[in-house]
Amino acid sequence: MAPTRKAVSRNMLLVLVINAALPMAVAAEPTHPTQIVTVLKVNNGQEVLVEINGEGRAVRLACIQAPLHQQQPWSNQAKSALSKALQQGSSVQMELRARDVYGRVIARLLKGKTDIASPLISSGRVFAYDGYLGRCDDLNYQKLQSEAQLREAGLWAIQGGIARPWDLLEATGNQQEP
């Protein structure tokens, strides 16, 4: 049975209304809360201790994964690069992304408008990783990683890159995030 002219008109109107509403829905998406924090210590290539409201809190950088401690020299290189980017006592903007089961804040850290994790990915010190609490689709980390792979930068100097930390954790049965 063919649809009636009225049904076709109604469906076309519905499509137009939905298409018109989509840009508004995207524009209404909430921004991530931010605040200025002070760097106390770099724990490893993906975690920093910061002062938030007078308390020391661990902040895991969102959307990246540093090599595990046993993956030397890459683990030390990631920590060293992050330490250079985040000097003890410096103030940075923290963009809250989530909180994890270990009590850490998951966030992007920025100096001015500069994302701290971007150069770590570009230089091949860390992996772009959206498997840890996700929320990475608004960042260009995958593109930066692809460019680092093409240049064979850092951990990409080895064909295919080093073993992925999340694969190592899974292979050992260790479900705890480092």
C-alpha atoms as a PDB file:
ATOM      1  CA  MET A   1       0.000   0.000   0.000  1.00  0.00           C
ATOM      2  CA  ALA A   2       1.506   3.342  -1.067  1.00  0.00           C
ATOM      3  CA  PRO A   3       1.791   6.093   1.533  1.00  0.00           C
ATOM      4  CA  THR A   4      -0.712   8.897   1.228  1.00  0.00           C
ATOM      5  CA  ARG A   5       0.324  12.379   0.228  1.00  0.00           C
ATOM      6  CA  LYS A   6      -0.528  13.515   3.766  1.00  0.00           C
ATOM      7  CA  ALA A   7       1.738  10.820   5.320  1.00  0.00           C
ATOM      8  CA  VAL A   8       4.625  11.775   3.010  1.00  0.00           C
ATOM      9  CA  SER A   9       4.199  15.456   3.895  1.00  0.00           C
ATOM     10  CA  ARG A  10       4.087  14.632   7.600  1.00  0.00           C
ATOM     11  CA  ASN A  11       7.291  12.520   7.315  1.00  0.00           C
ATOM     12  CA  MET A  12       9.072  15.263   5.376  1.00  0.00           C
ATOM     13  CA  LEU A  13       8.070  17.798   7.999  1.00  0.00           C
ATOM     14  CA  LEU A  14       9.337  15.506  10.737  1.00  0.00           C
ATOM     15  CA  VAL A  15      12.712  15.124   8.984  1.00  0.00           C
ATOM     16  CA  LEU A  16      13.003  18.911   8.614  1.00  0.00           C
ATOM     17  CA  VAL A  17      12.178  19.493  12.274  1.00  0.00           C
ATOM     18  CA  ILE A  18      14.724  16.869  13.408  1.00  0.00           C
ATOM     19  CA  ASN A  19      17.437  18.256  11.131  1.00  0.00           C
ATOM     20  CA  ALA A  20      16.764  21.783  12.357  1.00  0.00           C
ATOM     21  CA  ALA A  21      16.982  20.664  15.990  1.00  0.00           C
ATOM     22  CA  LEU A  22      20.282  18.780  15.655  1.00  0.00           C
ATOM     23  CA  PRO A  23      22.584  21.821  15.542  1.00  0.00           C
ATOM     24  CA  MET A  24      20.846  23.231  18.606  1.00  0.00           C
ATOM     25  CA  ALA A  25      21.318  19.952  20.475  1.00  0.00           C
ATOM     26  CA  VAL A  26      25.019  19.932  19.670  1.00  0.00           C
ATOM     27  CA  ALA A  27      25.413  23.579  20.666  1.00  0.00           C
ATOM     28  CA  ALA A  28      23.613  22.932  23.956  1.00  0.00           C
ATOM     29  CA  GLU A  29      26.137  20.232  24.957  1.00  0.00           C
ATOM     30  CA  PRO A  30      27.594  21.170  28.345  1.00  0.00           C
ATOM     31  CA  THR A  31      31.228  22.191  28.591  1.00  0.00           C
ATOM     32  CA  HIS A  32      33.611  20.468  30.963  1.00  0.00           C
ATOM     33  CA  PRO A  33      34.047  22.250  34.306  1.00  0.00           C
ATOM     34  CA  THR A  34      37.463  23.838  34.775  1.00  0.00           C
ATOM     35  CA  GLN A  35      39.520  25.217  37.600  1.00  0.00           C
ATOM     36  CA  ILE A  36      43.080  26.361  38.207  1.00  0.00           C
ATOM     37  CA  VAL A  37      45.229  23.868  40.152  1.00  0.00           C
ATOM     38  CA  THR A  38      48.861  23.762  41.295  1.00  0.00           C
ATOM     39  CA  VAL A  39      51.170  20.928  40.232  1.00  0.00           C
ATOM     40  CA  LEU A  40      52.731  19.191  43.251  1.00  0.00           C
ATOM     41  CA  LYS A  41      54.389  16.181  41.606  1.00  0.00           C
ATOM     42  CA  VAL A  42      54.435  14.095  38.430  1.00  0.00           C
ATOM     43  CA  ASN A  43      53.801  10.481  39.458  1.00  0.00           C
ATOM     44  CA  ASN A  44      54.345   8.862  36.042  1.00  0.00           C
ATOM     45  CA  GLY A  45      53.707   9.579  32.372  1.00  0.00           C
ATOM     46  CA  GLN A  46      49.946   9.902  32.841  1.00  0.00           C
ATOM     47  CA  GLU A  47      49.310  10.880  36.455  1.00  0.00           C
ATOM     48  CA  VAL A  48      50.007  14.089  38.338  1.00  0.00           C
ATOM     49  CA  LEU A  49      49.489  15.086  41.950  1.00  0.00           C
ATOM     50  CA  VAL A  50      47.882  18.528  42.116  1.00  0.00           C
ATOM     51  CA  GLU A  51      46.518  20.784  44.809  1.00  0.00           C
ATOM     52  CA  ILE A  52      42.765  21.170  44.510  1.00  0.00           C
ATOM     53  CA  ASN A  53      41.074  23.357  47.112  1.00  0.00           C
ATOM     54  CA  GLY A  54      43.989  22.922  49.520  1.00  0.00           C
ATOM     55  CA  GLU A  55      44.187  19.133  49.155  1.00  0.00           C
ATOM     56  CA  GLY A  56      46.561  16.920  47.175  1.00  0.00           C
ATOM     57  CA  ARG A  57      44.651  14.908  44.560  1.00  0.00           C
ATOM     58  CA  ALA A  58      45.841  12.484  41.903  1.00  0.00           C
ATOM     59  CA  VAL A  59      44.820  13.525  38.393  1.00  0.00           C
ATOM     60  CA  ARG A  60      45.004  10.979  35.610  1.00  0.00           C
ATOM     61  CA  LEU A  61      45.356  12.659  32.232  1.00  0.00           C
ATOM     62  CA  ALA A  62      42.288  11.910  30.145  1.00  0.00           C
ATOM     63  CA  CYS A  63      42.471   9.995  26.885  1.00  0.00           C
ATOM     64  CA  ILE A  64      46.110   8.910  27.034  1.00  0.00           C
ATOM     65  CA  GLN A  65      47.968   5.833  28.288  1.00  0.00           C
ATOM     66  CA  ALA A  66      51.652   5.959  29.197  1.00  0.00           C
ATOM     67  CA  PRO A  67      53.883   2.900  28.905  1.00  0.00           C
ATOM     68  CA  LEU A  68      53.909   0.746  32.048  1.00  0.00           C
ATOM     69  CA  HIS A  69      56.801   0.966  34.511  1.00  0.00           C
ATOM     70  CA  GLN A  70      58.260  -2.304  33.176  1.00  0.00           C
ATOM     71  CA  GLN A  71      58.288  -0.894  29.625  1.00  0.00           C
ATOM     72  CA  GLN A  72      61.650   0.839  29.820  1.00  0.00           C
ATOM     73  CA  PRO A  73      62.996   3.190  28.598  1.00  0.00           C
ATOM     74  CA  TRP A  74      59.612   4.423  27.304  1.00  0.00           C
ATOM     75  CA  SER A  75      57.998   4.677  30.734  1.00  0.00           C
ATOM     76  CA  ASN A  76      60.799   6.919  32.014  1.00  0.00           C
ATOM     77  CA  GLN A  77      60.703   8.979  28.806  1.00  0.00           C
ATOM     78  CA  ALA A  78      56.968   9.588  29.234  1.00  0.00           C
ATOM     79  CA  LYS A  79      57.419  10.652  32.861  1.00  0.00           C
ATOM     80  CA  SER A  80      60.354  12.896  31.956  1.00  0.00           C
ATOM     81  CA  ALA A  81      58.409  14.597  29.146  1.00  0.00           C
ATOM     82  CA  LEU A  82      55.419  15.185  31.421  1.00  0.00           C
ATOM     83  CA  SER A  83      57.703  16.498  34.192  1.00  0.00           C
ATOM     84  CA  LYS A  84      59.216  19.034  31.774  1.00  0.00           C
ATOM     85  CA  ALA A  85      55.748  20.164  30.712  1.00  0.00           C
ATOM     86  CA  LEU A  86      54.455  20.427  34.290  1.00  0.00           C
ATOM     87  CA  GLN A  87      57.012  21.993  36.595  1.00  0.00           C
ATOM     88  CA  GLN A  88      56.418  21.569  40.324  1.00  0.00           C
ATOM     89  CA  GLY A  89      54.565  24.604  41.664  1.00  0.00           C
ATOM     90  CA  SER A  90      53.192  25.682  38.291  1.00  0.00           C
ATOM     91  CA  SER A  91      49.546  26.569  37.871  1.00  0.00           C
ATOM     92  CA  VAL A  92      47.509  24.860  35.171  1.00  0.00           C
ATOM     93  CA  GLN A  93      43.903  24.749  34.131  1.00  0.00           C
ATOM     94  CA  MET A  94      42.222  21.428  34.892  1.00  0.00           C
ATOM     95  CA  GLU A  95      39.318  20.418  32.658  1.00  0.00           C
ATOM     96  CA  LEU A  96      37.346  17.753  34.531  1.00  0.00           C
ATOM     97  CA  ARG A  97      36.298  14.768  32.410  1.00  0.00           C
ATOM     98  CA  ALA A  98      35.361  12.117  35.013  1.00  0.00           C
ATOM     99  CA  ARG A  99      36.305  10.464  38.293  1.00  0.00           C
ATOM    100  CA  ASP A 100      37.485   6.871  38.485  1.00  0.00           C
ATOM    101  CA  VAL A 101      37.062   4.007  40.937  1.00  0.00           C
ATOM    102  CA  TYR A 102      40.558   4.674  42.332  1.00  0.00           C
ATOM    103  CA  GLY A 103      39.541   8.125  43.552  1.00  0.00           C
ATOM    104  CA  ARG A 104      41.433   9.954  40.834  1.00  0.00           C
ATOM    105  CA  VAL A 105      40.172  12.896  38.892  1.00  0.00           C
ATOM    106  CA  ILE A 106      40.278  12.261  35.122  1.00  0.00           C
ATOM    107  CA  ALA A 107      41.075  15.538  33.389  1.00  0.00           C
ATOM    108  CA  ARG A 108      42.819  17.419  30.649  1.00  0.00           C
ATOM    109  CA  LEU A 109      45.466  19.816  31.870  1.00  0.00           C
ATOM    110  CA  LEU A 110      46.152  23.025  29.972  1.00  0.00           C
ATOM    111  CA  LYS A 111      48.758  25.773  30.220  1.00  0.00           C
ATOM    112  CA  GLY A 112      46.948  28.726  28.772  1.00  0.00           C
ATOM    113  CA  LYS A 113      45.293  27.227  25.706  1.00  0.00           C
ATOM    114  CA  THR A 114      47.977  24.544  25.264  1.00  0.00           C
ATOM    115  CA  ASP A 115      46.892  20.987  25.988  1.00  0.00           C
ATOM    116  CA  ILE A 116      49.607  19.210  28.006  1.00  0.00           C
ATOM    117  CA  ALA A 117      48.935  15.753  26.504  1.00  0.00           C
ATOM    118  CA  SER A 118      49.106  16.771  22.822  1.00  0.00           C
ATOM    119  CA  PRO A 119      52.915  17.102  22.616  1.00  0.00           C
ATOM    120  CA  LEU A 120      53.303  13.839  24.567  1.00  0.00           C
ATOM    121  CA  ILE A 121      51.291  12.063  21.882  1.00  0.00           C
ATOM    122  CA  SER A 122      52.972  13.931  19.008  1.00  0.00           C
ATOM    123  CA  SER A 123      56.440  13.008  20.261  1.00  0.00           C
ATOM    124  CA  GLY A 124      55.481   9.349  20.707  1.00  0.00           C
ATOM    125  CA  ARG A 125      55.849   9.341  24.503  1.00  0.00           C
ATOM    126  CA  VAL A 126      52.295   8.106  25.225  1.00  0.00           C
ATOM    127  CA  PHE A 127      49.421   6.420  23.426  1.00  0.00           C
ATOM    128  CA  ALA A 128      46.136   8.068  22.553  1.00  0.00           C
ATOM    129  CA  TYR A 129      43.701   5.949  24.534  1.00  0.00           C
ATOM    130  CA  ASP A 130      39.947   6.365  24.677  1.00  0.00           C
ATOM    131  CA  GLY A 131      39.348   3.083  26.486  1.00  0.00           C
ATOM    132  CA  TYR A 132      39.699   4.623  29.920  1.00  0.00           C
ATOM    133  CA  LEU A 133      36.404   6.311  30.712  1.00  0.00           C
ATOM    134  CA  GLY A 134      36.129   7.488  27.128  1.00  0.00           C
ATOM    135  CA  ARG A 135      34.941  11.030  26.468  1.00  0.00           C
ATOM    136  CA  CYS A 136      37.735  11.633  23.958  1.00  0.00           C
ATOM    137  CA  ASP A 137      35.811  12.242  20.741  1.00  0.00           C
ATOM    138  CA  ASP A 138      36.247  16.026  21.008  1.00  0.00           C
ATOM    139  CA  LEU A 139      40.058  15.761  21.020  1.00  0.00           C
ATOM    140  CA  ASN A 140      42.461  15.337  18.096  1.00  0.00           C
ATOM    141  CA  TYR A 141      44.626  12.750  19.876  1.00  0.00           C
ATOM    142  CA  GLN A 142      44.109   9.959  17.316  1.00  0.00           C
ATOM    143  CA  LYS A 143      45.258  12.267  14.520  1.00  0.00           C
ATOM    144  CA  LEU A 144      48.347  13.307  16.519  1.00  0.00           C
ATOM    145  CA  GLN A 145      49.162   9.656  17.178  1.00  0.00           C
ATOM    146  CA  SER A 146      48.812   8.742  13.486  1.00  0.00           C
ATOM    147  CA  GLU A 147      51.236  11.523  12.592  1.00  0.00           C
ATOM    148  CA  ALA A 148      53.717  10.318  15.259  1.00  0.00           C
ATOM    149  CA  GLN A 149      53.448   6.784  13.856  1.00  0.00           C
ATOM    150  CA  LEU A 150      54.233   8.036  10.343  1.00  0.00           C
ATOM    151  CA  ARG A 151      57.300   9.887  11.662  1.00  0.00           C
ATOM    152  CA  GLU A 152      58.272   6.836  13.786  1.00  0.00           C
ATOM    153  CA  ALA A 153      58.568   9.147  16.784  1.00  0.00           C
ATOM    154  CA  GLY A 154      59.347   7.825  20.251  1.00  0.00           C
ATOM    155  CA  LEU A 155      57.697   4.499  20.989  1.00  0.00           C
ATOM    156  CA  TRP A 156      56.728   4.284  17.301  1.00  0.00           C
ATOM    157  CA  ALA A 157      60.427   3.899  16.350  1.00  0.00           C
ATOM    158  CA  ILE A 158      59.822   0.176  16.852  1.00  0.00           C
ATOM    159  CA  GLN A 159      57.826  -1.339  13.985  1.00  0.00           C
ATOM    160  CA  GLY A 160      54.156  -1.154  15.028  1.00  0.00           C
ATOM    161  CA  GLY A 161      55.062   0.546  18.309  1.00  0.00           C
ATOM    162  CA  ILE A 162      55.678  -1.121  21.641  1.00  0.00           C
ATOM    163  CA  ALA A 163      53.174  -3.462  23.291  1.00  0.00           C
ATOM    164  CA  ARG A 164      50.072  -1.582  24.300  1.00  0.00           C
ATOM    165  CA  PRO A 165      49.915  -1.206  28.087  1.00  0.00           C
ATOM    166  CA  TRP A 166      46.240  -2.232  28.175  1.00  0.00           C
ATOM    167  CA  ASP A 167      47.109  -5.443  26.313  1.00  0.00           C
ATOM    168  CA  LEU A 168      49.869  -6.226  28.815  1.00  0.00           C
ATOM    169  CA  LEU A 169      47.513  -5.691  31.745  1.00  0.00           C
ATOM    170  CA  GLU A 170      44.924  -7.958  30.152  1.00  0.00           C
ATOM    171  CA  ALA A 171      47.512 -10.660  29.344  1.00  0.00           C
ATOM    172  CA  THR A 172      48.698 -10.778  32.972  1.00  0.00           C
ATOM    173  CA  GLY A 173      45.146 -10.803  34.301  1.00  0.00           C
ATOM    174  CA  ASN A 174      45.809  -7.523  36.079  1.00  0.00           C
ATOM    175  CA  GLN A 175      42.645  -5.476  35.690  1.00  0.00           C
ATOM    176  CA  GLN A 176      43.956  -2.575  37.749  1.00  0.00           C
ATOM    177  CA  GLU A 177      44.775   0.515  35.782  1.00  0.00           C
ATOM    178  CA  PRO A 178      48.316   1.734  36.524  1.00  0.00           C
END
